[in-house]
């Protein structure tokens, strides 16, 4: 087994679940457009019951929300298990290395390294791009800090961060033959786990995983498949035309179009559950990553109806402190 999967131990709950061979579940917390921490806690409460870790997104789609490092600070304070998403679009290497250290100091153990959507995808296209790194360079940087205990300048860290490193993969956009090779580069750079873009095309994903297995990558990295519910055919059309990298086959859009209006949301959930059940049977798939934009309440239903409960639970020190001093801790 490779170093990526069986070597360094960061001590995260997500890492323990994956290394144990259990099918992992992660989900995205949709960041609020608010300075109220309770909005984060309310969303996390729904997800924490059915997930092994919660992703704090970093201005996805180049839209500004509460920062991912701030959300991680709130989640770790409340005893939740975050995945800290770091995008290269908005910060240079100095800021990124500082943010990685700060996240580690707050107890963050899982980091997802992303290049980031271009500013033209968002609602402030006049913003300046940074892109000092891409996702592969970011992975290597985080790995150097973790394994060698130094900044990129060579200056030593008194205490290196402990990270379980992740990256993204999109099997659903051309050139298809290049996607497994791109994944291999991320594994070589240090990725321990992968979260994919939304999977709505099972045939395309099966072909991607066949090539992944041919390259032996399924034995080197844990692959979590991105899934999510669709509200309606209009939502599906919007996603596949406006959201970068999302591919939704015509057959799914048509299925939603033929569904009576009162049942469209339920049908979108059913499609998501069917996809989970199919990808779970594919060799090399280690879990799912649920993305339900502004529909956190559906995540629990999806996970339960897909047969993925109960999740392995752990009572941590934060839970003990919360019971001792309930007024000092946010609701959970």
Protein backbone atom coordinates (compact mmCIF):
# COMPACT_ATOMS: atom_id res chain seq x y z
CA UNK A 1 0.00 0.00 0.00
CA UNK A 2 1.32 3.47 -0.82
CA UNK A 3 2.65 6.10 1.55
CA UNK A 4 -0.30 8.34 0.67
CA UNK A 5 -2.81 5.85 2.05
CA UNK A 6 -0.94 4.06 4.79
CA UNK A 7 1.99 6.26 5.78
CA UNK A 8 1.63 9.52 7.66
CA UNK A 9 -1.12 9.75 10.31
CA UNK A 10 -2.68 13.19 10.72
CA UNK A 11 -5.09 12.05 13.42
CA UNK A 12 -8.33 13.17 11.75
CA UNK A 13 -11.61 11.32 12.10
CA UNK A 14 -12.06 11.23 8.32
CA UNK A 15 -8.64 9.64 8.00
CA UNK A 16 -9.49 6.97 10.57
CA UNK A 17 -12.75 6.10 8.83
CA UNK A 18 -11.05 5.76 5.46
CA UNK A 19 -8.08 3.78 6.76
CA UNK A 20 -10.48 1.39 8.52
CA UNK A 21 -12.09 0.53 5.18
CA UNK A 22 -15.48 1.97 6.11
CA UNK A 23 -17.41 3.85 3.42
CA UNK A 24 -16.89 7.54 4.22
CA UNK A 25 -19.41 10.37 3.95
CA UNK A 26 -18.45 14.04 3.74
CA UNK A 27 -20.65 17.01 2.90
CA UNK A 28 -20.31 20.69 2.10
CA UNK A 29 -21.47 23.35 4.52
CA UNK A 30 -22.87 26.18 2.47
CA UNK A 31 -21.13 29.28 3.86
CA UNK A 32 -23.41 32.07 5.05
CA UNK A 33 -23.50 35.62 3.77
CA UNK A 34 -23.50 36.72 7.36
CA UNK A 35 -21.33 37.52 10.37
CA UNK A 36 -23.53 35.44 12.66
CA UNK A 37 -21.71 32.27 13.80
CA UNK A 38 -25.02 30.64 14.72
CA UNK A 39 -25.80 30.22 11.02
CA UNK A 40 -22.70 28.03 10.72
CA UNK A 41 -23.60 26.02 13.82
CA UNK A 42 -27.17 25.45 12.63
CA UNK A 43 -25.98 24.09 9.28
CA UNK A 44 -23.26 21.98 10.92
CA UNK A 45 -25.74 20.45 13.35
CA UNK A 46 -27.71 18.94 10.47
CA UNK A 47 -24.62 17.58 8.72
CA UNK A 48 -22.71 16.30 11.73
CA UNK A 49 -25.25 13.58 12.48
CA UNK A 50 -24.62 11.78 9.18
CA UNK A 51 -21.13 12.84 8.02
CA UNK A 52 -17.58 11.95 8.94
CA UNK A 53 -16.34 15.45 8.05
CA UNK A 54 -17.76 18.79 6.92
CA UNK A 55 -16.22 20.80 4.08
CA UNK A 56 -15.80 24.53 4.62
CA UNK A 57 -15.86 25.91 1.08
CA UNK A 58 -13.55 28.73 -0.03
CA UNK A 59 -15.54 31.20 -2.14
CA UNK A 60 -16.58 28.46 -4.57
CA UNK A 61 -17.67 29.69 -7.96
CA UNK A 62 -15.73 32.89 -7.19
CA UNK A 63 -18.62 34.13 -5.04
CA UNK A 64 -17.78 35.78 -1.73
CA UNK A 65 -19.12 34.25 1.50
CA UNK A 66 -17.81 33.79 5.03
CA UNK A 67 -14.20 32.59 4.73
CA UNK A 68 -13.37 28.91 4.94
CA UNK A 69 -10.73 29.42 7.64
CA UNK A 70 -13.28 31.27 9.80
CA UNK A 71 -15.83 28.50 9.34
CA UNK A 72 -13.18 25.95 10.32
CA UNK A 73 -12.42 27.99 13.45
CA UNK A 74 -16.09 27.85 14.42
CA UNK A 75 -16.41 24.15 13.61
CA UNK A 76 -13.34 23.09 15.57
CA UNK A 77 -14.42 25.25 18.50
CA UNK A 78 -17.71 23.32 18.58
CA UNK A 79 -15.99 19.94 18.25
CA UNK A 80 -16.88 19.21 14.62
CA UNK A 81 -14.53 17.66 12.04
CA UNK A 82 -13.86 20.17 9.22
CA UNK A 83 -12.25 19.84 5.82
CA UNK A 84 -10.51 23.16 5.15
CA UNK A 85 -10.81 24.08 1.48
CA UNK A 86 -7.98 26.29 0.23
CA UNK A 87 -8.21 27.99 -3.16
CA UNK A 88 -5.20 29.45 -4.96
CA UNK A 89 -7.24 32.11 -6.74
CA UNK A 90 -7.20 34.77 -4.02
CA UNK A 91 -3.95 34.40 -2.03
CA UNK A 92 -0.24 34.18 -2.71
CA UNK A 93 2.13 31.61 -1.21
CA UNK A 94 2.93 33.77 1.82
CA UNK A 95 -0.72 34.10 2.82
CA UNK A 96 -1.50 30.47 2.05
CA UNK A 97 1.34 29.09 4.19
CA UNK A 98 0.27 31.35 7.05
CA UNK A 99 -3.35 30.23 6.73
CA UNK A 100 -2.30 26.57 6.74
CA UNK A 101 -0.38 27.06 9.97
CA UNK A 102 -3.26 28.97 11.52
CA UNK A 103 -5.75 26.26 10.56
CA UNK A 104 -3.51 23.58 12.04
CA UNK A 105 -3.22 25.58 15.27
CA UNK A 106 -7.03 25.54 15.52
CA UNK A 107 -7.11 21.76 15.23
CA UNK A 108 -7.85 21.42 11.52
CA UNK A 109 -6.48 18.12 10.21
CA UNK A 110 -8.09 17.81 6.76
CA UNK A 111 -7.11 20.18 3.93
CA UNK A 112 -8.54 20.17 0.40
CA UNK A 113 -6.19 21.87 -2.07
CA UNK A 114 -7.90 23.62 -5.00
CA UNK A 115 -6.78 25.82 -7.85
CA UNK A 116 -10.12 27.67 -7.68
CA UNK A 117 -12.67 28.89 -10.22
CA UNK A 118 -11.69 31.95 -12.24
CA UNK A 119 -13.10 35.31 -11.12
CA UNK A 120 -15.14 35.50 -14.34
CA UNK A 121 -17.36 32.73 -12.94
CA UNK A 122 -18.45 34.91 -10.01
CA UNK A 123 -20.38 38.11 -9.40
CA UNK A 124 -17.28 40.33 -9.06
CA UNK A 125 -15.43 39.60 -12.33
CA UNK A 126 -13.36 42.78 -11.96
CA UNK A 127 -11.49 41.21 -9.01
CA UNK A 128 -7.77 40.61 -9.51
CA UNK A 129 -6.60 37.03 -9.88
CA UNK A 130 -3.65 35.75 -7.87
CA UNK A 131 -3.03 32.09 -8.82
CA UNK A 132 0.50 32.16 -7.40
CA UNK A 133 0.04 28.38 -7.12
CA UNK A 134 -2.14 25.76 -8.72
CA UNK A 135 -3.59 22.86 -6.73
CA UNK A 136 -0.60 20.58 -7.35
CA UNK A 137 1.89 23.19 -6.14
CA UNK A 138 -0.33 23.82 -3.12
CA UNK A 139 -0.37 20.10 -2.32
CA UNK A 140 3.41 19.96 -2.50
CA UNK A 141 3.71 23.03 -0.28
CA UNK A 142 1.43 21.58 2.40
CA UNK A 143 3.31 18.30 2.22
CA UNK A 144 6.69 20.04 2.60
CA UNK A 145 5.42 21.92 5.65
CA UNK A 146 4.06 18.70 7.14
CA UNK A 147 6.82 16.23 6.28
CA UNK A 148 9.94 18.40 6.27
CA UNK A 149 8.85 20.93 8.87
CA UNK A 150 9.89 23.98 6.85
CA UNK A 151 8.38 26.86 4.89
CA UNK A 152 9.10 27.01 1.17
CA UNK A 153 11.90 29.46 2.00
CA UNK A 154 13.62 26.71 3.98
CA UNK A 155 12.97 28.39 7.34
CA UNK A 156 12.19 25.79 9.99
CA UNK A 157 8.85 25.38 11.72
CA UNK A 158 9.04 24.81 15.46
CA UNK A 159 5.96 22.58 15.21
CA UNK A 160 4.94 21.24 11.76
CA UNK A 161 1.23 20.93 10.91
CA UNK A 162 -0.44 17.52 10.82
CA UNK A 163 -2.55 17.33 7.68
CA UNK A 164 -4.58 14.71 5.85
CA UNK A 165 -4.28 16.19 2.37
CA UNK A 166 -6.99 16.17 -0.26
CA UNK A 167 -7.53 17.35 -3.81
CA UNK A 168 -10.36 17.54 -6.33
CA UNK A 169 -10.87 15.62 -9.54
CA UNK A 170 -13.33 16.08 -12.40
CA UNK A 171 -13.80 12.92 -14.51
CA UNK A 172 -16.67 14.47 -16.47
CA UNK A 173 -15.09 17.09 -18.71
CA UNK A 174 -12.81 16.50 -21.69
CA UNK A 175 -10.13 15.56 -22.41
CA UNK A 176 -11.27 12.38 -20.64
CA UNK A 177 -8.04 10.45 -21.21
CA UNK A 178 -6.12 13.19 -19.39
CA UNK A 179 -8.20 13.13 -16.19
CA UNK A 180 -6.67 9.99 -14.63
CA UNK A 181 -3.20 11.31 -15.49
CA UNK A 182 -4.00 14.60 -13.77
CA UNK A 183 -5.17 12.59 -10.76
CA UNK A 184 -1.87 10.70 -10.77
CA UNK A 185 0.02 14.00 -10.56
CA UNK A 186 -2.02 15.03 -7.52
CA UNK A 187 -1.33 11.70 -5.85
CA UNK A 188 2.39 12.12 -6.55
CA UNK A 189 2.21 15.64 -5.08
CA UNK A 190 0.83 14.28 -1.81
CA UNK A 191 -2.95 13.82 -2.03
CA UNK A 192 -4.25 11.33 0.53
CA UNK A 193 -7.89 11.64 -0.54
CA UNK A 194 -9.86 12.92 -3.52
CA UNK A 195 -13.30 14.50 -3.73
CA UNK A 196 -14.75 14.54 -7.26
CA UNK A 197 -17.04 16.97 -9.02
CA UNK A 198 -20.76 16.08 -9.12
CA UNK A 199 -21.31 12.64 -10.62
CA UNK A 200 -24.44 12.37 -12.76
CA UNK A 201 -22.94 10.30 -15.59
CA UNK A 202 -22.33 6.80 -14.22
CA UNK A 203 -21.03 5.41 -17.53
CA UNK A 204 -18.37 8.12 -17.76
CA UNK A 205 -17.39 7.62 -14.13
CA UNK A 206 -17.07 3.85 -14.57
CA UNK A 207 -14.68 4.42 -17.46
CA UNK A 208 -12.68 6.91 -15.39
CA UNK A 209 -12.39 4.42 -12.52
CA UNK A 210 -11.37 1.64 -14.90
CA UNK A 211 -8.41 3.74 -15.99
CA UNK A 212 -7.70 4.73 -12.36
CA UNK A 213 -7.48 1.04 -11.45
CA UNK A 214 -5.26 0.34 -14.47
CA UNK A 215 -2.83 2.95 -13.11
CA UNK A 216 -3.08 1.51 -9.60
CA UNK A 217 -4.26 4.84 -8.21
CA UNK A 218 -7.16 3.30 -6.27
CA UNK A 219 -4.53 1.70 -4.03
CA UNK A 220 -2.71 5.00 -3.47
CA UNK A 221 -5.51 7.45 -2.69
CA UNK A 222 -9.03 7.39 -1.23
CA UNK A 223 -11.64 8.50 -3.78
CA UNK A 224 -14.89 10.10 -2.61
CA UNK A 225 -17.48 10.64 -5.34
CA UNK A 226 -19.31 13.95 -5.49
CA UNK A 227 -23.10 13.62 -5.45
CA UNK A 228 -26.04 15.95 -4.85
CA UNK A 229 -29.81 16.38 -5.26
CA UNK A 230 -31.38 18.42 -8.04
CA UNK A 231 -34.46 20.53 -7.23
CA UNK A 232 -35.86 20.49 -10.76
CA UNK A 233 -34.95 20.38 -14.44
CA UNK A 234 -34.46 24.16 -14.28
CA UNK A 235 -31.89 23.74 -11.53
CA UNK A 236 -30.18 21.03 -13.58
CA UNK A 237 -30.07 23.28 -16.65
CA UNK A 238 -28.62 26.11 -14.60
CA UNK A 239 -25.93 23.90 -13.09
CA UNK A 240 -24.79 22.36 -16.35
CA UNK A 241 -24.66 25.70 -18.18
CA UNK A 242 -23.54 28.10 -15.44
CA UNK A 243 -21.50 26.09 -12.91
CA UNK A 244 -17.94 25.37 -14.15
CA UNK A 245 -17.15 21.69 -14.65
CA UNK A 246 -20.63 20.25 -14.03
CA UNK A 247 -21.94 17.70 -16.56
CA UNK A 248 -25.55 16.50 -16.33
CA UNK A 249 -26.77 14.10 -19.05
CA UNK A 250 -29.92 14.92 -21.00
CA UNK A 251 -31.61 11.79 -19.66
CA UNK A 252 -31.56 13.13 -16.09
CA UNK A 253 -32.87 16.54 -17.13
CA UNK A 254 -35.66 14.87 -19.08
CA UNK A 255 -36.53 12.60 -16.15
CA UNK A 256 -37.00 15.65 -13.96
CA UNK A 257 -38.96 17.45 -16.66
CA UNK A 258 -41.46 14.59 -16.87
CA UNK A 259 -41.93 14.49 -13.10
CA UNK A 260 -45.02 16.35 -11.78
CA UNK A 261 -44.08 19.62 -10.09
CA UNK A 262 -44.99 18.58 -6.51
CA UNK A 263 -42.66 15.56 -6.80
CA UNK A 264 -39.66 17.11 -8.54
CA UNK A 265 -37.65 17.67 -5.35
CA UNK A 266 -38.30 14.11 -4.22
CA UNK A 267 -37.33 12.78 -7.65
CA UNK A 268 -34.07 14.77 -7.53
CA UNK A 269 -33.31 13.17 -4.18
CA UNK A 270 -34.15 9.72 -5.58
CA UNK A 271 -31.74 10.23 -8.49
CA UNK A 272 -29.00 11.15 -6.01
CA UNK A 273 -29.64 8.02 -3.93
CA UNK A 274 -29.59 5.82 -7.03
CA UNK A 275 -26.23 7.28 -8.04
CA UNK A 276 -24.82 6.64 -4.55
CA UNK A 277 -25.95 3.04 -4.67
CA UNK A 278 -24.34 2.54 -8.08
CA UNK A 279 -20.99 4.20 -7.34
CA UNK A 280 -20.73 2.33 -4.03
CA UNK A 281 -20.38 -0.89 -6.02
CA UNK A 282 -17.48 0.41 -8.15
CA UNK A 283 -14.08 -0.92 -7.11
CA UNK A 284 -11.84 1.83 -5.78
CA UNK A 285 -14.60 4.12 -4.47
CA UNK A 286 -13.99 4.85 -0.78
CA UNK A 287 -16.93 7.15 -0.04
CA UNK A 288 -19.16 9.99 -1.19
CA UNK A 289 -19.03 13.76 -0.91
CA UNK A 290 -22.52 15.29 -0.74
CA UNK A 291 -23.04 18.77 -2.17
CA UNK A 292 -26.57 20.03 -1.49
CA UNK A 293 -26.54 23.78 -2.02
CA UNK A 294 -28.90 25.44 0.50
CA UNK A 295 -30.47 22.01 1.09
CA UNK A 296 -28.55 20.74 4.13
CA UNK A 297 -31.72 19.20 5.51
CA UNK A 298 -31.76 16.78 2.56
CA UNK A 299 -28.29 15.41 3.30
CA UNK A 300 -29.49 13.40 6.30
CA UNK A 301 -32.38 11.95 4.28
CA UNK A 302 -30.06 11.03 1.41
CA UNK A 303 -27.49 9.35 3.63
CA UNK A 304 -30.15 7.43 5.55
CA UNK A 305 -32.14 6.31 2.51
CA UNK A 306 -28.94 5.28 0.72
CA UNK A 307 -28.30 2.83 3.58
CA UNK A 308 -25.18 4.58 4.92
CA UNK A 309 -26.26 4.82 8.56
CA UNK A 310 -25.25 4.48 11.29
CA UNK A 311 -22.03 6.45 10.97
CA UNK A 312 -19.13 5.71 13.32
CA UNK A 313 -19.44 8.21 16.15
CA UNK A 314 -16.86 9.50 18.59
CA UNK A 315 -17.28 11.68 21.66
CA UNK A 316 -14.37 14.10 21.82
CA UNK A 317 -12.91 16.37 24.45
CA UNK A 318 -15.00 19.25 23.10
CA UNK A 319 -18.18 17.30 23.81
CA UNK A 320 -17.05 16.69 27.38
CA UNK A 321 -16.28 20.40 27.91
CA UNK A 322 -19.62 21.33 26.41
CA UNK A 323 -21.43 19.20 28.96
CA UNK A 324 -19.38 20.73 31.79
CA UNK A 325 -19.80 24.34 30.61
CA UNK A 326 -22.85 24.40 28.31
CA UNK A 327 -23.16 28.19 28.17
CA UNK A 328 -19.66 28.59 26.79
CA UNK A 329 -20.35 26.41 23.75
CA UNK A 330 -22.61 26.90 20.73
CA UNK A 331 -25.65 24.72 20.23
CA UNK A 332 -25.07 21.42 18.50
